[in-house]
PDB file of all heavy atoms in Angstrom:
ATOM      1  N   LEU A   1      83.941 134.950 108.365  1.00  0.00           N
ATOM      2  CA  LEU A   1      85.355 134.756 108.500  1.00  0.00           C
ATOM      3  C   LEU A   1      85.843 133.333 108.364  1.00  0.00           C
ATOM      4  O   LEU A   1      86.707 133.073 107.551  1.00  0.00           O
ATOM      5  CB  LEU A   1      85.783 135.181 109.937  1.00  0.00           C
ATOM      6  CG  LEU A   1      87.218 135.071 110.247  1.00  0.00           C
ATOM      7  CD1 LEU A   1      88.121 135.844 109.374  1.00  0.00           C
ATOM      8  CD2 LEU A   1      87.481 135.524 111.771  1.00  0.00           C
ATOM      9  N   SER A   2      85.103 132.402 109.046  1.00  0.00           N
ATOM     10  CA  SER A   2      85.722 131.043 109.057  1.00  0.00           C
ATOM     11  C   SER A   2      85.655 130.477 107.675  1.00  0.00           C
ATOM     12  O   SER A   2      86.623 129.754 107.232  1.00  0.00           O
ATOM     13  CB  SER A   2      84.983 130.148 110.032  1.00  0.00           C
ATOM     14  OG  SER A   2      83.672 129.942 109.595  1.00  0.00           O
ATOM     15  N   MET A   3      84.680 130.770 106.980  1.00  0.00           N
ATOM     16  CA  MET A   3      84.550 130.047 105.641  1.00  0.00           C
ATOM     17  C   MET A   3      85.340 130.843 104.622  1.00  0.00           C
ATOM     18  O   MET A   3      85.752 130.184 103.625  1.00  0.00           O
ATOM     19  CB  MET A   3      83.114 129.960 105.196  1.00  0.00           C
ATOM     20  CG  MET A   3      82.368 128.865 105.949  1.00  0.00           C
ATOM     21  SD  MET A   3      83.353 127.331 106.216  1.00  0.00           S
ATOM     22  CE  MET A   3      83.610 126.876 104.493  1.00  0.00           C
ATOM     23  N   SER A   4      85.448 132.104 104.688  1.00  0.00           N
ATOM     24  CA  SER A   4      86.324 132.803 103.746  1.00  0.00           C
ATOM     25  C   SER A   4      87.760 132.270 103.848  1.00  0.00           C
ATOM     26  O   SER A   4      88.470 132.036 102.880  1.00  0.00           O
ATOM     27  CB  SER A   4      86.403 134.313 103.910  1.00  0.00           C
ATOM     28  OG  SER A   4      86.890 134.717 105.159  1.00  0.00           O
ATOM     29  N   MET A   5      88.130 131.952 105.062  1.00  0.00           N
ATOM     30  CA  MET A   5      89.511 131.385 105.278  1.00  0.00           C
ATOM     31  C   MET A   5      89.599 130.035 104.602  1.00  0.00           C
ATOM     32  O   MET A   5      90.531 129.702 103.840  1.00  0.00           O
ATOM     33  CB  MET A   5      89.623 131.086 106.817  1.00  0.00           C
ATOM     34  CG  MET A   5      90.673 131.963 107.443  1.00  0.00           C
ATOM     35  SD  MET A   5      92.264 131.784 106.807  1.00  0.00           S
ATOM     36  CE  MET A   5      92.897 130.423 107.750  1.00  0.00           C
ATOM     37  N   ARG A   6      88.603 129.183 104.896  1.00  0.00           N
ATOM     38  CA  ARG A   6      88.679 127.803 104.292  1.00  0.00           C
ATOM     39  C   ARG A   6      88.618 127.874 102.872  1.00  0.00           C
ATOM     40  O   ARG A   6      89.243 127.082 102.188  1.00  0.00           O
ATOM     41  CB  ARG A   6      87.707 126.861 105.002  1.00  0.00           C
ATOM     42  CG  ARG A   6      86.332 127.085 104.657  1.00  0.00           C
ATOM     43  CD  ARG A   6      85.541 126.097 105.474  1.00  0.00           C
ATOM     44  NE  ARG A   6      84.941 126.583 106.593  1.00  0.00           N
ATOM     45  CZ  ARG A   6      85.395 126.508 107.825  1.00  0.00           C
ATOM     46  NH1 ARG A   6      86.582 125.894 107.972  1.00  0.00           N
ATOM     47  NH2 ARG A   6      84.849 126.938 108.886  1.00  0.00           N
ATOM     48  N   TYR A   7      87.801 128.778 102.332  1.00  0.00           N
ATOM     49  CA  TYR A   7      87.683 128.772 100.823  1.00  0.00           C
ATOM     50  C   TYR A   7      88.734 129.484 100.225  1.00  0.00           C
ATOM     51  O   TYR A   7      88.849 129.571  98.987  1.00  0.00           O
ATOM     52  CB  TYR A   7      86.297 129.294 100.502  1.00  0.00           C
ATOM     53  CG  TYR A   7      85.261 128.251 100.723  1.00  0.00           C
ATOM     54  CD1 TYR A   7      84.520 128.213 101.833  1.00  0.00           C
ATOM     55  CD2 TYR A   7      85.236 127.127  99.813  1.00  0.00           C
ATOM     56  CE1 TYR A   7      83.674 127.236 102.089  1.00  0.00           C
ATOM     57  CE2 TYR A   7      84.250 126.141 100.076  1.00  0.00           C
ATOM     58  CZ  TYR A   7      83.499 126.180 101.197  1.00  0.00           C
ATOM     59  OH  TYR A   7      82.618 125.152 101.458  1.00  0.00           O
ATOM     60  N   LEU A   8      89.599 130.134 100.950  1.00  0.00           N
ATOM     61  CA  LEU A   8      90.819 130.637 100.348  1.00  0.00           C
ATOM     62  C   LEU A   8      91.579 129.634  99.680  1.00  0.00           C
ATOM     63  O   LEU A   8      92.505 129.696  98.968  1.00  0.00           O
ATOM     64  CB  LEU A   8      91.734 131.300 101.387  1.00  0.00           C
ATOM     65  CG  LEU A   8      91.209 132.604 101.846  1.00  0.00           C
ATOM     66  CD1 LEU A   8      92.112 133.148 102.992  1.00  0.00           C
ATOM     67  CD2 LEU A   8      91.119 133.634 100.814  1.00  0.00           C
ATOM     68  N   SER A   9      91.200 128.319  99.979  1.00  0.00           N
ATOM     69  CA  SER A   9      91.918 127.259  99.311  1.00  0.00           C
ATOM     70  C   SER A   9      91.069 126.200  98.674  1.00  0.00           C
ATOM     71  O   SER A   9      91.571 125.412  97.983  1.00  0.00           O
ATOM     72  CB  SER A   9      92.822 126.574 100.389  1.00  0.00           C
ATOM     73  OG  SER A   9      92.066 125.674 101.171  1.00  0.00           O
ATOM     74  N   THR A  10      89.754 126.230  98.943  1.00  0.00           N
ATOM     75  CA  THR A  10      88.983 125.124  98.420  1.00  0.00           C
ATOM     76  C   THR A  10      88.080 125.512  97.296  1.00  0.00           C
ATOM     77  O   THR A  10      87.306 124.756  96.782  1.00  0.00           O
ATOM     78  CB  THR A  10      88.016 124.558  99.525  1.00  0.00           C
ATOM     79  OG1 THR A  10      87.239 125.598 100.028  1.00  0.00           O
ATOM     80  CG2 THR A  10      88.815 124.002 100.662  1.00  0.00           C
ATOM     81  N   SER A  11      88.093 126.682  96.901  1.00  0.00           N
ATOM     82  CA  SER A  11      87.124 127.116  95.947  1.00  0.00           C
ATOM     83  C   SER A  11      87.023 126.211  94.734  1.00  0.00           C
ATOM     84  O   SER A  11      86.011 125.798  94.300  1.00  0.00           O
ATOM     85  CB  SER A  11      87.373 128.434  95.476  1.00  0.00           C
ATOM     86  OG  SER A  11      88.656 128.654  95.199  1.00  0.00           O
ATOM     87  N   ASN A  12      88.184 125.933  94.076  1.00  0.00           N
ATOM     88  CA  ASN A  12      87.964 125.203  92.770  1.00  0.00           C
ATOM     89  C   ASN A  12      87.642 123.783  93.101  1.00  0.00           C
ATOM     90  O   ASN A  12      87.184 123.042  92.308  1.00  0.00           O
ATOM     91  CB  ASN A  12      89.171 125.171  91.787  1.00  0.00           C
ATOM     92  CG  ASN A  12      90.385 125.616  92.378  1.00  0.00           C
ATOM     93  OD1 ASN A  12      90.418 125.959  93.559  1.00  0.00           O
ATOM     94  ND2 ASN A  12      91.396 125.651  91.676  1.00  0.00           N
ATOM     95  N   ILE A  13      87.894 123.302  94.368  1.00  0.00           N
ATOM     96  CA  ILE A  13      87.597 121.921  94.724  1.00  0.00           C
ATOM     97  C   ILE A  13      86.093 121.924  94.857  1.00  0.00           C
ATOM     98  O   ILE A  13      85.458 121.040  94.502  1.00  0.00           O
ATOM     99  CB  ILE A  13      88.165 121.625  96.012  1.00  0.00           C
ATOM    100  CG1 ILE A  13      89.642 121.697  95.890  1.00  0.00           C
ATOM    101  CG2 ILE A  13      87.712 120.271  96.508  1.00  0.00           C
ATOM    102  CD1 ILE A  13      90.287 121.598  97.121  1.00  0.00           C
ATOM    103  N   GLY A  14      85.576 122.972  95.499  1.00  0.00           N
ATOM    104  CA  GLY A  14      84.227 122.951  95.842  1.00  0.00           C
ATOM    105  C   GLY A  14      83.319 122.499  94.805  1.00  0.00           C
ATOM    106  O   GLY A  14      82.548 121.624  94.950  1.00  0.00           O
ATOM    107  N   VAL A  15      83.433 123.138  93.627  1.00  0.00           N
ATOM    108  CA  VAL A  15      82.449 122.882  92.632  1.00  0.00           C
ATOM    109  C   VAL A  15      82.532 121.499  92.126  1.00  0.00           C
ATOM    110  O   VAL A  15      81.529 120.956  91.679  1.00  0.00           O
ATOM    111  CB  VAL A  15      82.714 123.726  91.427  1.00  0.00           C
ATOM    112  CG1 VAL A  15      81.594 124.460  91.121  1.00  0.00           C
ATOM    113  CG2 VAL A  15      83.992 124.356  91.615  1.00  0.00           C
ATOM    114  N   ARG A  16      83.564 120.792  92.250  1.00  0.00           N
ATOM    115  CA  ARG A  16      83.589 119.401  91.785  1.00  0.00           C
ATOM    116  C   ARG A  16      82.623 118.592  92.358  1.00  0.00           C
ATOM    117  O   ARG A  16      82.395 117.520  92.074  1.00  0.00           O
ATOM    118  CB  ARG A  16      84.914 118.839  92.233  1.00  0.00           C
ATOM    119  CG  ARG A  16      85.948 119.651  91.613  1.00  0.00           C
ATOM    120  CD  ARG A  16      87.017 119.383  92.456  1.00  0.00           C
ATOM    121  NE  ARG A  16      87.818 118.390  91.945  1.00  0.00           N
ATOM    122  CZ  ARG A  16      89.087 118.438  91.827  1.00  0.00           C
ATOM    123  NH1 ARG A  16      89.662 119.349  92.241  1.00  0.00           N
ATOM    124  NH2 ARG A  16      89.783 117.503  91.433  1.00  0.00           N
ATOM    125  N   LYS A  17      82.016 119.107  93.361  1.00  0.00           N
ATOM    126  CA  LYS A  17      81.292 118.298  94.212  1.00  0.00           C
ATOM    127  C   LYS A  17      79.966 117.866  93.796  1.00  0.00           C
ATOM    128  O   LYS A  17      79.302 117.174  94.415  1.00  0.00           O
ATOM    129  CB  LYS A  17      81.227 118.831  95.538  1.00  0.00           C
ATOM    130  CG  LYS A  17      80.800 118.037  96.565  1.00  0.00           C
ATOM    131  CD  LYS A  17      79.755 117.439  96.636  1.00  0.00           C
ATOM    132  CE  LYS A  17      79.205 116.279  96.979  1.00  0.00           C
ATOM    133  NZ  LYS A  17      78.450 116.141  97.879  1.00  0.00           N
ATOM    134  N   GLY A  18      79.421 118.235  92.747  1.00  0.00           N
ATOM    135  CA  GLY A  18      78.026 117.787  92.362  1.00  0.00           C
ATOM    136  C   GLY A  18      78.177 116.318  92.665  1.00  0.00           C
ATOM    137  O   GLY A  18      77.305 115.572  92.379  1.00  0.00           O
ATOM    138  N   PHE A  19      79.289 115.965  93.193  1.00  0.00           N
ATOM    139  CA  PHE A  19      79.697 114.594  93.361  1.00  0.00           C
ATOM    140  C   PHE A  19      78.617 113.638  93.687  1.00  0.00           C
ATOM    141  O   PHE A  19      78.540 112.606  92.996  1.00  0.00           O
ATOM    142  CB  PHE A  19      80.648 114.471  94.588  1.00  0.00           C
ATOM    143  CG  PHE A  19      81.881 115.095  94.195  1.00  0.00           C
ATOM    144  CD1 PHE A  19      82.024 115.667  92.983  1.00  0.00           C
ATOM    145  CD2 PHE A  19      82.968 115.053  95.001  1.00  0.00           C
ATOM    146  CE1 PHE A  19      83.218 116.343  92.621  1.00  0.00           C
ATOM    147  CE2 PHE A  19      84.088 115.652  94.631  1.00  0.00           C
ATOM    148  CZ  PHE A  19      84.219 116.199  93.465  1.00  0.00           C
ATOM    149  N   ASN A  20      77.857 113.778  94.678  1.00  0.00           N
ATOM    150  CA  ASN A  20      76.939 112.720  95.051  1.00  0.00           C
ATOM    151  C   ASN A  20      75.612 112.947  94.258  1.00  0.00           C
ATOM    152  O   ASN A  20      74.689 112.354  94.658  1.00  0.00           O
ATOM    153  CB  ASN A  20      76.736 112.714  96.522  1.00  0.00           C
ATOM    154  CG  ASN A  20      77.287 111.565  97.250  1.00  0.00           C
ATOM    155  OD1 ASN A  20      78.347 111.101  96.742  1.00  0.00           O
ATOM    156  ND2 ASN A  20      76.771 111.097  98.265  1.00  0.00           N
ATOM    157  N   GLY A  21      75.667 113.573  93.231  1.00  0.00           N
ATOM    158  CA  GLY A  21      74.398 113.968  92.537  1.00  0.00           C
ATOM    159  C   GLY A  21      74.050 112.811  91.650  1.00  0.00           C
ATOM    160  O   GLY A  21      74.722 111.841  91.388  1.00  0.00           O
ATOM    161  N   GLN A  22      72.813 113.103  91.033  1.00  0.00           N
ATOM    162  CA  GLN A  22      72.346 112.154  90.099  1.00  0.00           C
ATOM    163  C   GLN A  22      72.125 112.815  88.760  1.00  0.00           C
ATOM    164  O   GLN A  22      72.241 113.977  88.607  1.00  0.00           O
ATOM    165  CB  GLN A  22      70.907 111.695  90.604  1.00  0.00           C
ATOM    166  CG  GLN A  22      70.814 111.212  92.005  1.00  0.00           C
ATOM    167  CD  GLN A  22      69.449 110.952  92.425  1.00  0.00           C
ATOM    168  OE1 GLN A  22      68.561 110.543  91.641  1.00  0.00           O
ATOM    169  NE2 GLN A  22      69.106 111.175  93.615  1.00  0.00           N
ATOM    170  N   GLY A  23      71.896 111.931  87.744  1.00  0.00           N
ATOM    171  CA  GLY A  23      71.562 112.518  86.449  1.00  0.00           C
ATOM    172  C   GLY A  23      72.821 112.788  85.741  1.00  0.00           C
ATOM    173  O   GLY A  23      73.921 112.523  86.070  1.00  0.00           O
ATOM    174  N   LYS A  24      72.734 113.490  84.571  1.00  0.00           N
ATOM    175  CA  LYS A  24      73.836 113.763  83.680  1.00  0.00           C
ATOM    176  C   LYS A  24      74.830 114.783  84.323  1.00  0.00           C
ATOM    177  O   LYS A  24      74.397 115.756  84.914  1.00  0.00           O
ATOM    178  CB  LYS A  24      73.333 114.446  82.425  1.00  0.00           C
ATOM    179  CG  LYS A  24      73.127 113.422  81.359  1.00  0.00           C
ATOM    180  CD  LYS A  24      72.803 114.086  80.152  1.00  0.00           C
ATOM    181  CE  LYS A  24      72.606 113.200  78.947  1.00  0.00           C
ATOM    182  NZ  LYS A  24      72.152 113.905  77.751  1.00  0.00           N
ATOM    183  N   SER A  25      76.034 114.480  84.120  1.00  0.00           N
ATOM    184  CA  SER A  25      77.003 115.451  84.680  1.00  0.00           C
ATOM    185  C   SER A  25      77.413 116.419  83.528  1.00  0.00           C
ATOM    186  O   SER A  25      77.411 116.016  82.349  1.00  0.00           O
ATOM    187  CB  SER A  25      78.248 114.737  85.068  1.00  0.00           C
ATOM    188  OG  SER A  25      79.062 114.227  84.047  1.00  0.00           O
ATOM    189  N   SER A  26      77.568 117.678  83.880  1.00  0.00           N
ATOM    190  CA  SER A  26      77.950 118.681  82.894  1.00  0.00           C
ATOM    191  C   SER A  26      79.425 118.842  82.990  1.00  0.00           C
ATOM    192  O   SER A  26      79.993 119.472  83.860  1.00  0.00           O
ATOM    193  CB  SER A  26      77.297 119.984  83.241  1.00  0.00           C
ATOM    194  OG  SER A  26      77.811 121.050  82.497  1.00  0.00           O
ATOM    195  N   ASN A  27      80.186 118.385  81.939  1.00  0.00           N
ATOM    196  CA  ASN A  27      81.650 118.363  82.040  1.00  0.00           C
ATOM    197  C   ASN A  27      82.102 119.797  82.006  1.00  0.00           C
ATOM    198  O   ASN A  27      83.261 120.201  82.360  1.00  0.00           O
ATOM    199  CB  ASN A  27      82.259 117.596  80.963  1.00  0.00           C
ATOM    200  CG  ASN A  27      82.246 116.088  81.223  1.00  0.00           C
ATOM    201  OD1 ASN A  27      82.479 115.765  82.331  1.00  0.00           O
ATOM    202  ND2 ASN A  27      82.056 115.254  80.280  1.00  0.00           N
ATOM    203  N   LYS A  28      81.272 120.691  81.428  1.00  0.00           N
ATOM    204  CA  LYS A  28      81.790 122.070  81.417  1.00  0.00           C
ATOM    205  C   LYS A  28      82.065 122.601  82.767  1.00  0.00           C
ATOM    206  O   LYS A  28      83.016 123.420  82.999  1.00  0.00           O
ATOM    207  CB  LYS A  28      80.553 122.974  80.822  1.00  0.00           C
ATOM    208  CG  LYS A  28      80.273 122.715  79.401  1.00  0.00           C
ATOM    209  CD  LYS A  28      79.159 123.618  78.938  1.00  0.00           C
ATOM    210  CE  LYS A  28      78.790 123.390  77.464  1.00  0.00           C
ATOM    211  NZ  LYS A  28      77.619 124.161  77.007  1.00  0.00           N
ATOM    212  N   THR A  29      81.372 122.026  83.832  1.00  0.00           N
ATOM    213  CA  THR A  29      81.583 122.523  85.170  1.00  0.00           C
ATOM    214  C   THR A  29      82.986 122.299  85.645  1.00  0.00           C
ATOM    215  O   THR A  29      83.384 122.862  86.567  1.00  0.00           O
ATOM    216  CB  THR A  29      80.572 121.952  86.065  1.00  0.00           C
ATOM    217  OG1 THR A  29      80.661 120.558  86.010  1.00  0.00           O
ATOM    218  CG2 THR A  29      79.185 122.293  85.679  1.00  0.00           C
ATOM    219  N   MET A  30      83.641 121.325  85.060  1.00  0.00           N
ATOM    220  CA  MET A  30      84.952 121.027  85.607  1.00  0.00           C
ATOM    221  C   MET A  30      85.972 122.203  85.323  1.00  0.00           C
ATOM    222  O   MET A  30      86.927 122.357  85.975  1.00  0.00           O
ATOM    223  CB  MET A  30      85.580 119.806  84.820  1.00  0.00           C
ATOM    224  CG  MET A  30      85.339 118.504  85.562  1.00  0.00           C
ATOM    225  SD  MET A  30      85.868 118.515  87.131  1.00  0.00           S
ATOM    226  CE  MET A  30      87.619 118.458  86.995  1.00  0.00           C
ATOM    227  N   LEU A  31      85.595 123.061  84.389  1.00  0.00           N
ATOM    228  CA  LEU A  31      86.455 124.184  84.157  1.00  0.00           C
ATOM    229  C   LEU A  31      86.649 125.026  85.315  1.00  0.00           C
ATOM    230  O   LEU A  31      87.585 125.739  85.507  1.00  0.00           O
ATOM    231  CB  LEU A  31      85.834 125.014  82.976  1.00  0.00           C
ATOM    232  CG  LEU A  31      85.938 124.278  81.644  1.00  0.00           C
ATOM    233  CD1 LEU A  31      85.204 125.087  80.659  1.00  0.00           C
ATOM    234  CD2 LEU A  31      87.394 124.194  81.210  1.00  0.00           C
ATOM    235  N   PHE A  32      85.550 125.002  86.193  1.00  0.00           N
ATOM    236  CA  PHE A  32      85.567 125.835  87.337  1.00  0.00           C
ATOM    237  C   PHE A  32      86.785 125.428  88.220  1.00  0.00           C
ATOM    238  O   PHE A  32      87.276 126.243  88.907  1.00  0.00           O
ATOM    239  CB  PHE A  32      84.358 125.542  88.079  1.00  0.00           C
ATOM    240  CG  PHE A  32      84.175 126.391  89.277  1.00  0.00           C
ATOM    241  CD1 PHE A  32      83.818 127.677  89.179  1.00  0.00           C
ATOM    242  CD2 PHE A  32      84.407 125.861  90.560  1.00  0.00           C
ATOM    243  CE1 PHE A  32      83.651 128.447  90.252  1.00  0.00           C
ATOM    244  CE2 PHE A  32      84.272 126.634  91.624  1.00  0.00           C
ATOM    245  CZ  PHE A  32      83.864 127.918  91.465  1.00  0.00           C
ATOM    246  N   LEU A  33      87.125 124.208  88.163  1.00  0.00           N
ATOM    247  CA  LEU A  33      88.275 123.662  88.956  1.00  0.00           C
ATOM    248  C   LEU A  33      89.582 124.005  88.306  1.00  0.00           C
ATOM    249  O   LEU A  33      90.574 123.983  88.858  1.00  0.00           O
ATOM    250  CB  LEU A  33      88.228 122.143  89.031  1.00  0.00           C
ATOM    251  CG  LEU A  33      86.942 121.747  89.616  1.00  0.00           C
ATOM    252  CD1 LEU A  33      86.949 120.238  89.573  1.00  0.00           C
ATOM    253  CD2 LEU A  33      86.919 122.213  91.032  1.00  0.00           C
ATOM    254  N   ALA A  34      89.500 124.272  86.984  1.00  0.00           N
ATOM    255  CA  ALA A  34      90.781 124.178  86.308  1.00  0.00           C
ATOM    256  C   ALA A  34      91.742 125.291  86.598  1.00  0.00           C
ATOM    257  O   ALA A  34      92.972 125.068  86.588  1.00  0.00           O
ATOM    258  CB  ALA A  34      90.470 124.158  84.837  1.00  0.00           C
ATOM    259  N   ALA A  35      91.215 126.478  86.910  1.00  0.00           N
ATOM    260  CA  ALA A  35      92.118 127.551  86.927  1.00  0.00           C
ATOM    261  C   ALA A  35      92.420 128.243  88.249  1.00  0.00           C
ATOM    262  O   ALA A  35      93.498 128.561  88.560  1.00  0.00           O
ATOM    263  CB  ALA A  35      91.704 128.675  85.972  1.00  0.00           C
ATOM    264  N   GLY A  36      91.455 128.451  89.031  1.00  0.00           N
ATOM    265  CA  GLY A  36      91.658 129.562  90.062  1.00  0.00           C
ATOM    266  C   GLY A  36      92.367 129.218  91.307  1.00  0.00           C
ATOM    267  O   GLY A  36      92.287 130.091  92.163  1.00  0.00           O
ATOM    268  N   ALA A  37      92.970 128.152  91.531  1.00  0.00           N
ATOM    269  CA  ALA A  37      93.491 127.837  92.804  1.00  0.00           C
ATOM    270  C   ALA A  37      94.594 128.768  93.160  1.00  0.00           C
ATOM    271  O   ALA A  37      94.835 128.971  94.380  1.00  0.00           O
ATOM    272  CB  ALA A  37      94.075 126.424  92.835  1.00  0.00           C
ATOM    273  N   SER A  38      95.128 129.523  92.258  1.00  0.00           N
ATOM    274  CA  SER A  38      96.199 130.426  92.636  1.00  0.00           C
ATOM    275  C   SER A  38      95.724 131.820  93.087  1.00  0.00           C
ATOM    276  O   SER A  38      96.510 132.607  93.606  1.00  0.00           O
ATOM    277  CB  SER A  38      97.185 130.579  91.476  1.00  0.00           C
ATOM    278  OG  SER A  38      96.476 131.086  90.399  1.00  0.00           O
TER     279      SER A  38
END
């Protein structure tokens, strides 16, 4: 329950987060953020 609530709004943000990672970033993954907030 608690996380489905919070992710009702954070899903496309979420993925952006490879944030603190190392190595090459895959720009394809940004698409995940692009569309679904609605």
